[in-house]
Amino acid sequence: MSAEPLYLIRHGHAEYPPAGMPDRDRALTDEGRADIEKQAKKLLARGVTLKAITHSPYRRAIETALIVHKTFPDAALVEHRELHPGGNAESVLMYIAELNQPTLLVSHLPIIAEIANGLTGAMVSFYPGTCIAVTRQADKAFSADLAWTEHPS
């Protein structure tokens, strides 16, 4: 396993669904879009490079990924079906173990916190738009250190 950097971001603020709208169809609010644009610029200012942006199949995560992609246009956009709110964190951890390039995962609560905890042991408060960086250990597929946390401002 390579020790390539890994970043996790929770989608931005999303609209409250009108009656009958499935949760998966909720869009970002204007505030959510603005927060993610700021977070993408902060990533760039930190010197982050991304080769892939892997996102949930839910609309608000896709929109978040697309906003970040504007700042990192060379990154591949990849959908991972288990990154949704009720997804299988173990499956995602197995996916992460195989990553060999700098990647951003775009997801939701509670699974994003479960993934962060599974990698680092840390309990991270993921507000909408919160991004973390983890430094993976080259010799341990499921072990990483929390490098930094960036909440939207």
N, C-alpha and C. Protein backbone atom coordinates (compact mmCIF):
# COMPACT_ATOMS: atom_id res chain seq x y z
N MET A 1 0.83 -1.19 0.00
CA MET A 1 0.00 0.00 0.00
C MET A 1 0.87 1.25 0.00
N SER A 2 0.50 2.18 -0.77
CA SER A 2 1.18 3.47 -0.82
C SER A 2 0.68 4.35 0.32
N ALA A 3 1.50 5.28 0.73
CA ALA A 3 1.11 6.21 1.79
C ALA A 3 0.63 7.53 1.20
N GLU A 4 -0.12 7.47 0.13
CA GLU A 4 -0.64 8.68 -0.51
C GLU A 4 -1.63 9.38 0.42
N PRO A 5 -1.70 10.70 0.37
CA PRO A 5 -2.62 11.44 1.24
C PRO A 5 -4.08 11.12 0.91
N LEU A 6 -4.88 11.23 1.93
CA LEU A 6 -6.32 11.00 1.80
C LEU A 6 -7.04 12.14 2.50
N TYR A 7 -8.09 12.62 1.86
CA TYR A 7 -8.88 13.72 2.40
C TYR A 7 -10.34 13.28 2.43
N LEU A 8 -11.05 13.67 3.47
CA LEU A 8 -12.47 13.37 3.60
C LEU A 8 -13.20 14.68 3.80
N ILE A 9 -14.30 14.87 3.07
CA ILE A 9 -15.10 16.08 3.23
C ILE A 9 -16.57 15.69 3.29
N ARG A 10 -17.26 16.32 4.23
CA ARG A 10 -18.72 16.16 4.27
C ARG A 10 -19.31 17.17 3.30
N HIS A 11 -20.35 16.77 2.59
CA HIS A 11 -21.02 17.68 1.65
C HIS A 11 -21.40 18.98 2.36
N GLY A 12 -21.65 20.00 1.57
CA GLY A 12 -22.07 21.29 2.12
C GLY A 12 -23.52 21.24 2.61
N HIS A 13 -23.95 22.36 3.21
CA HIS A 13 -25.34 22.47 3.67
C HIS A 13 -26.29 22.10 2.54
N ALA A 14 -27.29 21.30 2.88
CA ALA A 14 -28.27 20.85 1.87
C ALA A 14 -29.66 21.34 2.26
N GLU A 15 -30.49 21.43 1.25
CA GLU A 15 -31.87 21.87 1.47
C GLU A 15 -32.63 20.84 2.29
N TYR A 16 -33.65 21.31 3.00
CA TYR A 16 -34.57 20.39 3.66
C TYR A 16 -35.51 19.88 2.58
N PRO A 17 -35.72 18.58 2.55
CA PRO A 17 -36.53 18.04 1.45
C PRO A 17 -38.01 18.37 1.61
N PRO A 18 -38.65 18.79 0.54
CA PRO A 18 -40.10 18.94 0.59
C PRO A 18 -40.73 17.57 0.78
N ALA A 19 -41.94 17.55 1.23
CA ALA A 19 -42.64 16.29 1.45
C ALA A 19 -42.57 15.42 0.21
N GLY A 20 -42.17 14.19 0.40
CA GLY A 20 -42.13 13.23 -0.69
C GLY A 20 -40.81 13.17 -1.44
N MET A 21 -39.90 14.13 -1.21
CA MET A 21 -38.61 14.09 -1.90
C MET A 21 -37.70 13.07 -1.21
N PRO A 22 -37.15 12.16 -1.97
CA PRO A 22 -36.20 11.21 -1.37
C PRO A 22 -34.95 11.95 -0.87
N ASP A 23 -34.38 11.47 0.22
CA ASP A 23 -33.18 12.08 0.80
C ASP A 23 -32.06 12.18 -0.22
N ARG A 24 -31.93 11.19 -1.07
CA ARG A 24 -30.83 11.16 -2.04
C ARG A 24 -30.89 12.32 -3.05
N ASP A 25 -32.06 12.97 -3.18
CA ASP A 25 -32.25 14.04 -4.17
C ASP A 25 -32.05 15.44 -3.62
N ARG A 26 -31.70 15.57 -2.33
CA ARG A 26 -31.51 16.90 -1.74
C ARG A 26 -30.31 17.61 -2.36
N ALA A 27 -30.50 18.86 -2.74
CA ALA A 27 -29.45 19.68 -3.36
C ALA A 27 -28.75 20.53 -2.31
N LEU A 28 -27.58 21.05 -2.67
CA LEU A 28 -26.90 22.01 -1.81
C LEU A 28 -27.64 23.34 -1.82
N THR A 29 -27.55 24.03 -0.70
CA THR A 29 -28.08 25.39 -0.63
C THR A 29 -27.02 26.34 -1.18
N ASP A 30 -27.38 27.61 -1.35
CA ASP A 30 -26.40 28.61 -1.78
C ASP A 30 -25.25 28.67 -0.77
N GLU A 31 -25.58 28.64 0.53
CA GLU A 31 -24.56 28.64 1.58
C GLU A 31 -23.66 27.41 1.44
N GLY A 32 -24.26 26.27 1.18
CA GLY A 32 -23.49 25.03 1.03
C GLY A 32 -22.52 25.11 -0.14
N ARG A 33 -22.98 25.63 -1.26
CA ARG A 33 -22.10 25.79 -2.43
C ARG A 33 -20.94 26.75 -2.12
N ALA A 34 -21.25 27.86 -1.46
CA ALA A 34 -20.21 28.85 -1.13
C ALA A 34 -19.18 28.26 -0.17
N ASP A 35 -19.63 27.51 0.84
CA ASP A 35 -18.71 26.89 1.79
C ASP A 35 -17.77 25.91 1.10
N ILE A 36 -18.31 25.13 0.17
CA ILE A 36 -17.47 24.14 -0.52
C ILE A 36 -16.48 24.85 -1.45
N GLU A 37 -16.89 25.91 -2.11
CA GLU A 37 -15.95 26.68 -2.94
C GLU A 37 -14.78 27.19 -2.09
N LYS A 38 -15.08 27.70 -0.89
CA LYS A 38 -14.03 28.18 0.02
C LYS A 38 -13.13 27.02 0.45
N GLN A 39 -13.73 25.89 0.77
CA GLN A 39 -12.93 24.74 1.21
C GLN A 39 -12.00 24.27 0.09
N ALA A 40 -12.48 24.26 -1.14
CA ALA A 40 -11.65 23.84 -2.27
C ALA A 40 -10.45 24.79 -2.41
N LYS A 41 -10.69 26.08 -2.25
CA LYS A 41 -9.60 27.05 -2.34
C LYS A 41 -8.61 26.88 -1.19
N LYS A 42 -9.11 26.54 -0.01
CA LYS A 42 -8.23 26.28 1.13
C LYS A 42 -7.36 25.05 0.88
N LEU A 43 -7.95 24.02 0.26
CA LEU A 43 -7.16 22.83 -0.08
C LEU A 43 -6.02 23.21 -1.02
N LEU A 44 -6.34 23.98 -2.03
CA LEU A 44 -5.33 24.42 -2.99
C LEU A 44 -4.24 25.24 -2.30
N ALA A 45 -4.65 26.14 -1.41
CA ALA A 45 -3.69 26.97 -0.68
C ALA A 45 -2.78 26.14 0.22
N ARG A 46 -3.26 25.00 0.69
CA ARG A 46 -2.44 24.09 1.51
C ARG A 46 -1.48 23.27 0.66
N GLY A 47 -1.57 23.41 -0.65
CA GLY A 47 -0.69 22.65 -1.53
C GLY A 47 -1.19 21.25 -1.85
N VAL A 48 -2.45 21.02 -1.59
CA VAL A 48 -3.05 19.70 -1.87
C VAL A 48 -3.10 19.48 -3.38
N THR A 49 -2.79 18.27 -3.79
CA THR A 49 -3.02 17.82 -5.16
C THR A 49 -3.96 16.63 -5.07
N LEU A 50 -4.86 16.54 -6.01
CA LEU A 50 -5.81 15.42 -6.04
C LEU A 50 -5.74 14.74 -7.39
N LYS A 51 -5.73 13.43 -7.35
CA LYS A 51 -5.82 12.63 -8.58
C LYS A 51 -7.22 12.07 -8.75
N ALA A 52 -7.97 12.00 -7.64
CA ALA A 52 -9.34 11.47 -7.71
C ALA A 52 -10.21 12.14 -6.66
N ILE A 53 -11.48 12.31 -7.02
CA ILE A 53 -12.52 12.78 -6.10
C ILE A 53 -13.60 11.70 -6.15
N THR A 54 -13.70 10.96 -5.06
CA THR A 54 -14.65 9.85 -4.99
C THR A 54 -15.84 10.31 -4.16
N HIS A 55 -17.04 10.15 -4.69
CA HIS A 55 -18.23 10.72 -4.04
C HIS A 55 -19.35 9.70 -3.91
N SER A 56 -20.25 10.02 -3.04
CA SER A 56 -21.48 9.27 -2.83
C SER A 56 -22.38 9.45 -4.06
N PRO A 57 -23.35 8.54 -4.23
CA PRO A 57 -24.30 8.70 -5.34
C PRO A 57 -25.42 9.71 -5.05
N TYR A 58 -25.40 10.34 -3.87
CA TYR A 58 -26.45 11.29 -3.52
C TYR A 58 -26.16 12.66 -4.12
N ARG A 59 -27.22 13.37 -4.49
CA ARG A 59 -27.08 14.64 -5.23
C ARG A 59 -26.19 15.65 -4.52
N ARG A 60 -26.35 15.85 -3.22
CA ARG A 60 -25.58 16.87 -2.52
C ARG A 60 -24.08 16.54 -2.50
N ALA A 61 -23.74 15.26 -2.49
CA ALA A 61 -22.33 14.85 -2.55
C ALA A 61 -21.79 15.01 -3.97
N ILE A 62 -22.60 14.70 -4.95
CA ILE A 62 -22.18 14.89 -6.35
C ILE A 62 -21.93 16.37 -6.61
N GLU A 63 -22.84 17.24 -6.14
CA GLU A 63 -22.66 18.68 -6.32
C GLU A 63 -21.40 19.16 -5.62
N THR A 64 -21.14 18.65 -4.41
CA THR A 64 -19.92 19.00 -3.68
C THR A 64 -18.70 18.59 -4.48
N ALA A 65 -18.70 17.36 -4.99
CA ALA A 65 -17.57 16.86 -5.78
C ALA A 65 -17.34 17.73 -7.02
N LEU A 66 -18.41 18.12 -7.68
CA LEU A 66 -18.29 18.94 -8.89
C LEU A 66 -17.71 20.33 -8.59
N ILE A 67 -18.08 20.89 -7.45
CA ILE A 67 -17.53 22.19 -7.06
C ILE A 67 -16.04 22.07 -6.79
N VAL A 68 -15.64 21.04 -6.05
CA VAL A 68 -14.21 20.83 -5.78
C VAL A 68 -13.46 20.56 -7.08
N HIS A 69 -14.11 19.84 -7.98
CA HIS A 69 -13.49 19.50 -9.26
C HIS A 69 -13.14 20.74 -10.08
N LYS A 70 -13.90 21.82 -9.92
CA LYS A 70 -13.58 23.07 -10.63
C LYS A 70 -12.21 23.59 -10.21
N THR A 71 -11.82 23.36 -8.97
CA THR A 71 -10.51 23.79 -8.46
C THR A 71 -9.43 22.77 -8.80
N PHE A 72 -9.83 21.50 -8.92
CA PHE A 72 -8.90 20.40 -9.23
C PHE A 72 -9.38 19.67 -10.48
N PRO A 73 -9.33 20.34 -11.64
CA PRO A 73 -9.94 19.78 -12.85
C PRO A 73 -9.26 18.52 -13.40
N ASP A 74 -8.04 18.25 -12.97
CA ASP A 74 -7.35 17.05 -13.45
C ASP A 74 -7.70 15.80 -12.65
N ALA A 75 -8.42 15.97 -11.55
CA ALA A 75 -8.81 14.82 -10.72
C ALA A 75 -9.95 14.06 -11.38
N ALA A 76 -9.85 12.76 -11.35
CA ALA A 76 -10.93 11.91 -11.87
C ALA A 76 -12.11 11.94 -10.91
N LEU A 77 -13.31 11.98 -11.44
CA LEU A 77 -14.53 11.89 -10.62
C LEU A 77 -14.97 10.42 -10.61
N VAL A 78 -15.14 9.88 -9.39
CA VAL A 78 -15.48 8.47 -9.23
C VAL A 78 -16.64 8.36 -8.25
N GLU A 79 -17.67 7.62 -8.62
CA GLU A 79 -18.79 7.37 -7.70
C GLU A 79 -18.53 6.06 -6.96
N HIS A 80 -18.78 6.09 -5.65
CA HIS A 80 -18.69 4.88 -4.83
C HIS A 80 -20.04 4.69 -4.15
N ARG A 81 -20.70 3.62 -4.47
CA ARG A 81 -22.09 3.41 -4.02
C ARG A 81 -22.24 3.27 -2.52
N GLU A 82 -21.18 2.97 -1.78
CA GLU A 82 -21.30 2.79 -0.32
C GLU A 82 -21.03 4.06 0.48
N LEU A 83 -20.75 5.18 -0.16
CA LEU A 83 -20.45 6.41 0.56
C LEU A 83 -21.70 7.18 1.00
N HIS A 84 -22.88 6.60 0.89
CA HIS A 84 -24.12 7.27 1.29
C HIS A 84 -24.33 7.14 2.80
N PRO A 85 -25.32 7.86 3.37
CA PRO A 85 -25.49 7.88 4.82
C PRO A 85 -25.63 6.51 5.48
N GLY A 86 -26.25 5.56 4.84
CA GLY A 86 -26.40 4.23 5.43
C GLY A 86 -25.43 3.22 4.86
N GLY A 87 -24.37 3.70 4.21
CA GLY A 87 -23.43 2.81 3.53
C GLY A 87 -22.59 1.97 4.48
N ASN A 88 -21.84 1.08 3.88
CA ASN A 88 -21.01 0.13 4.62
C ASN A 88 -19.60 0.70 4.78
N ALA A 89 -19.28 1.16 5.98
CA ALA A 89 -17.97 1.77 6.24
C ALA A 89 -16.85 0.76 6.01
N GLU A 90 -17.07 -0.49 6.33
CA GLU A 90 -16.05 -1.51 6.13
C GLU A 90 -15.69 -1.64 4.65
N SER A 91 -16.70 -1.60 3.79
CA SER A 91 -16.47 -1.66 2.35
C SER A 91 -15.64 -0.47 1.88
N VAL A 92 -15.94 0.71 2.41
CA VAL A 92 -15.20 1.91 2.03
C VAL A 92 -13.76 1.83 2.54
N LEU A 93 -13.56 1.31 3.74
CA LEU A 93 -12.20 1.15 4.27
C LEU A 93 -11.38 0.20 3.40
N MET A 94 -12.02 -0.83 2.88
CA MET A 94 -11.34 -1.76 1.97
C MET A 94 -10.96 -1.03 0.68
N TYR A 95 -11.85 -0.19 0.19
CA TYR A 95 -11.58 0.62 -1.01
C TYR A 95 -10.38 1.54 -0.75
N ILE A 96 -10.38 2.21 0.40
CA ILE A 96 -9.29 3.13 0.76
C ILE A 96 -7.96 2.39 0.81
N ALA A 97 -7.98 1.18 1.34
CA ALA A 97 -6.74 0.41 1.47
C ALA A 97 -6.07 0.17 0.12
N GLU A 98 -6.85 0.18 -0.94
CA GLU A 98 -6.32 -0.07 -2.29
C GLU A 98 -5.93 1.21 -3.04
N LEU A 99 -6.24 2.36 -2.48
CA LEU A 99 -5.93 3.62 -3.16
C LEU A 99 -4.42 3.84 -3.23
N ASN A 100 -3.96 4.31 -4.37
CA ASN A 100 -2.53 4.58 -4.54
C ASN A 100 -2.29 5.96 -5.14
N GLN A 101 -3.22 6.88 -4.89
CA GLN A 101 -3.08 8.24 -5.38
C GLN A 101 -3.81 9.18 -4.43
N PRO A 102 -3.42 10.46 -4.40
CA PRO A 102 -4.10 11.42 -3.53
C PRO A 102 -5.58 11.52 -3.90
N THR A 103 -6.44 11.26 -2.93
CA THR A 103 -7.88 11.15 -3.18
C THR A 103 -8.67 11.92 -2.13
N LEU A 104 -9.75 12.53 -2.58
CA LEU A 104 -10.73 13.16 -1.69
C LEU A 104 -11.99 12.32 -1.72
N LEU A 105 -12.49 11.94 -0.54
CA LEU A 105 -13.78 11.26 -0.44
C LEU A 105 -14.83 12.26 -0.02
N VAL A 106 -15.95 12.30 -0.73
CA VAL A 106 -17.06 13.20 -0.43
C VAL A 106 -18.22 12.35 0.06
N SER A 107 -18.65 12.60 1.29
CA SER A 107 -19.67 11.73 1.86
C SER A 107 -20.56 12.46 2.85
N HIS A 108 -21.22 11.70 3.72
CA HIS A 108 -22.28 12.17 4.62
C HIS A 108 -22.04 11.62 6.02
N LEU A 109 -22.77 12.20 6.97
CA LEU A 109 -22.87 11.58 8.28
C LEU A 109 -23.89 10.46 8.19
N PRO A 110 -23.76 9.39 8.92
CA PRO A 110 -22.70 9.11 9.89
C PRO A 110 -21.48 8.42 9.30
N ILE A 111 -21.56 7.98 8.06
CA ILE A 111 -20.49 7.13 7.52
C ILE A 111 -19.15 7.83 7.44
N ILE A 112 -19.10 9.12 7.16
CA ILE A 112 -17.82 9.80 7.04
C ILE A 112 -17.09 9.81 8.38
N ALA A 113 -17.84 9.99 9.47
CA ALA A 113 -17.23 9.95 10.81
C ALA A 113 -16.77 8.53 11.14
N GLU A 114 -17.53 7.53 10.71
CA GLU A 114 -17.14 6.13 10.94
C GLU A 114 -15.84 5.81 10.19
N ILE A 115 -15.72 6.31 8.97
CA ILE A 115 -14.51 6.07 8.18
C ILE A 115 -13.31 6.75 8.84
N ALA A 116 -13.48 8.02 9.24
CA ALA A 116 -12.39 8.74 9.90
C ALA A 116 -11.97 8.02 11.18
N ASN A 117 -12.93 7.58 11.96
CA ASN A 117 -12.63 6.87 13.20
C ASN A 117 -11.96 5.53 12.92
N GLY A 118 -12.43 4.83 11.90
CA GLY A 118 -11.83 3.54 11.55
C GLY A 118 -10.38 3.67 11.12
N LEU A 119 -10.04 4.78 10.49
CA LEU A 119 -8.66 5.00 10.05
C LEU A 119 -7.76 5.55 11.14
N THR A 120 -8.28 6.49 11.93
CA THR A 120 -7.42 7.24 12.85
C THR A 120 -7.71 6.99 14.33
N GLY A 121 -8.89 6.48 14.63
CA GLY A 121 -9.31 6.35 16.03
C GLY A 121 -9.86 7.65 16.58
N ALA A 122 -9.82 8.73 15.80
CA ALA A 122 -10.30 10.04 16.25
C ALA A 122 -11.80 10.17 16.05
N MET A 123 -12.42 10.90 16.95
CA MET A 123 -13.83 11.24 16.82
C MET A 123 -13.88 12.67 16.26
N VAL A 124 -14.15 12.78 14.97
CA VAL A 124 -14.15 14.08 14.29
C VAL A 124 -15.59 14.60 14.18
N SER A 125 -15.76 15.88 14.48
CA SER A 125 -17.06 16.53 14.29
C SER A 125 -17.14 17.02 12.85
N PHE A 126 -17.92 16.34 12.05
CA PHE A 126 -18.07 16.71 10.64
C PHE A 126 -19.31 17.58 10.47
N TYR A 127 -19.10 18.89 10.50
CA TYR A 127 -20.17 19.82 10.17
C TYR A 127 -20.28 19.84 8.64
N PRO A 128 -21.39 20.33 8.08
CA PRO A 128 -21.43 20.43 6.62
C PRO A 128 -20.23 21.21 6.10
N GLY A 129 -19.49 20.60 5.17
CA GLY A 129 -18.32 21.24 4.59
C GLY A 129 -17.01 20.98 5.32
N THR A 130 -17.03 20.30 6.46
CA THR A 130 -15.79 19.99 7.17
C THR A 130 -14.93 19.06 6.33
N CYS A 131 -13.63 19.36 6.28
CA CYS A 131 -12.67 18.55 5.54
C CYS A 131 -11.54 18.15 6.49
N ILE A 132 -11.07 16.92 6.37
CA ILE A 132 -9.92 16.46 7.14
C ILE A 132 -8.90 15.86 6.19
N ALA A 133 -7.65 15.85 6.66
CA ALA A 133 -6.58 15.16 5.96
C ALA A 133 -6.07 14.07 6.88
N VAL A 134 -5.83 12.91 6.31
CA VAL A 134 -5.23 11.83 7.07
C VAL A 134 -3.96 11.39 6.36
N THR A 135 -2.97 11.07 7.16
CA THR A 135 -1.70 10.57 6.65
C THR A 135 -1.70 9.07 6.89
N ARG A 136 -1.76 8.33 5.80
CA ARG A 136 -1.80 6.87 5.90
C ARG A 136 -0.41 6.32 6.11
N GLN A 137 -0.34 5.24 6.86
CA GLN A 137 0.94 4.59 7.11
C GLN A 137 1.18 3.54 6.03
N ALA A 138 2.34 3.62 5.39
CA ALA A 138 2.64 2.78 4.23
C ALA A 138 2.58 1.29 4.55
N ASP A 139 2.89 0.91 5.77
CA ASP A 139 2.95 -0.52 6.10
C ASP A 139 1.66 -1.05 6.76
N LYS A 140 0.65 -0.18 6.92
CA LYS A 140 -0.59 -0.60 7.58
C LYS A 140 -1.79 -0.08 6.79
N ALA A 141 -2.52 -0.98 6.17
CA ALA A 141 -3.61 -0.59 5.29
C ALA A 141 -4.73 0.16 6.01
N PHE A 142 -4.95 -0.13 7.28
CA PHE A 142 -6.10 0.46 7.98
C PHE A 142 -5.66 1.35 9.13
N SER A 143 -4.55 2.02 8.97
CA SER A 143 -4.05 2.88 10.02
C SER A 143 -3.60 4.21 9.43
N ALA A 144 -4.04 5.29 10.05
CA ALA A 144 -3.68 6.62 9.57
C ALA A 144 -3.68 7.59 10.75
N ASP A 145 -3.03 8.70 10.56
CA ASP A 145 -3.00 9.77 11.56
C ASP A 145 -3.81 10.94 11.04
N LEU A 146 -4.55 11.57 11.93
CA LEU A 146 -5.29 12.78 11.57
C LEU A 146 -4.28 13.91 11.45
N ALA A 147 -4.11 14.45 10.24
CA ALA A 147 -3.13 15.51 10.01
C ALA A 147 -3.70 16.89 10.32
N TRP A 148 -4.92 17.16 9.86
CA TRP A 148 -5.56 18.43 10.14
C TRP A 148 -7.06 18.34 9.88
N THR A 149 -7.77 19.28 10.47
CA THR A 149 -9.22 19.42 10.29
C THR A 149 -9.50 20.86 9.90
N GLU A 150 -10.35 21.04 8.90
CA GLU A 150 -10.70 22.39 8.44
C GLU A 150 -12.23 22.48 8.39
N HIS A 151 -12.78 23.26 9.33
CA HIS A 151 -14.22 23.50 9.31
C HIS A 151 -14.50 24.71 8.42
N PRO A 152 -15.65 24.77 7.79
CA PRO A 152 -15.95 25.95 6.96
C PRO A 152 -16.05 27.19 7.84
N SER A 153 -15.67 28.32 7.28
CA SER A 153 -15.72 29.56 8.07
C SER A 153 -16.83 30.45 7.61
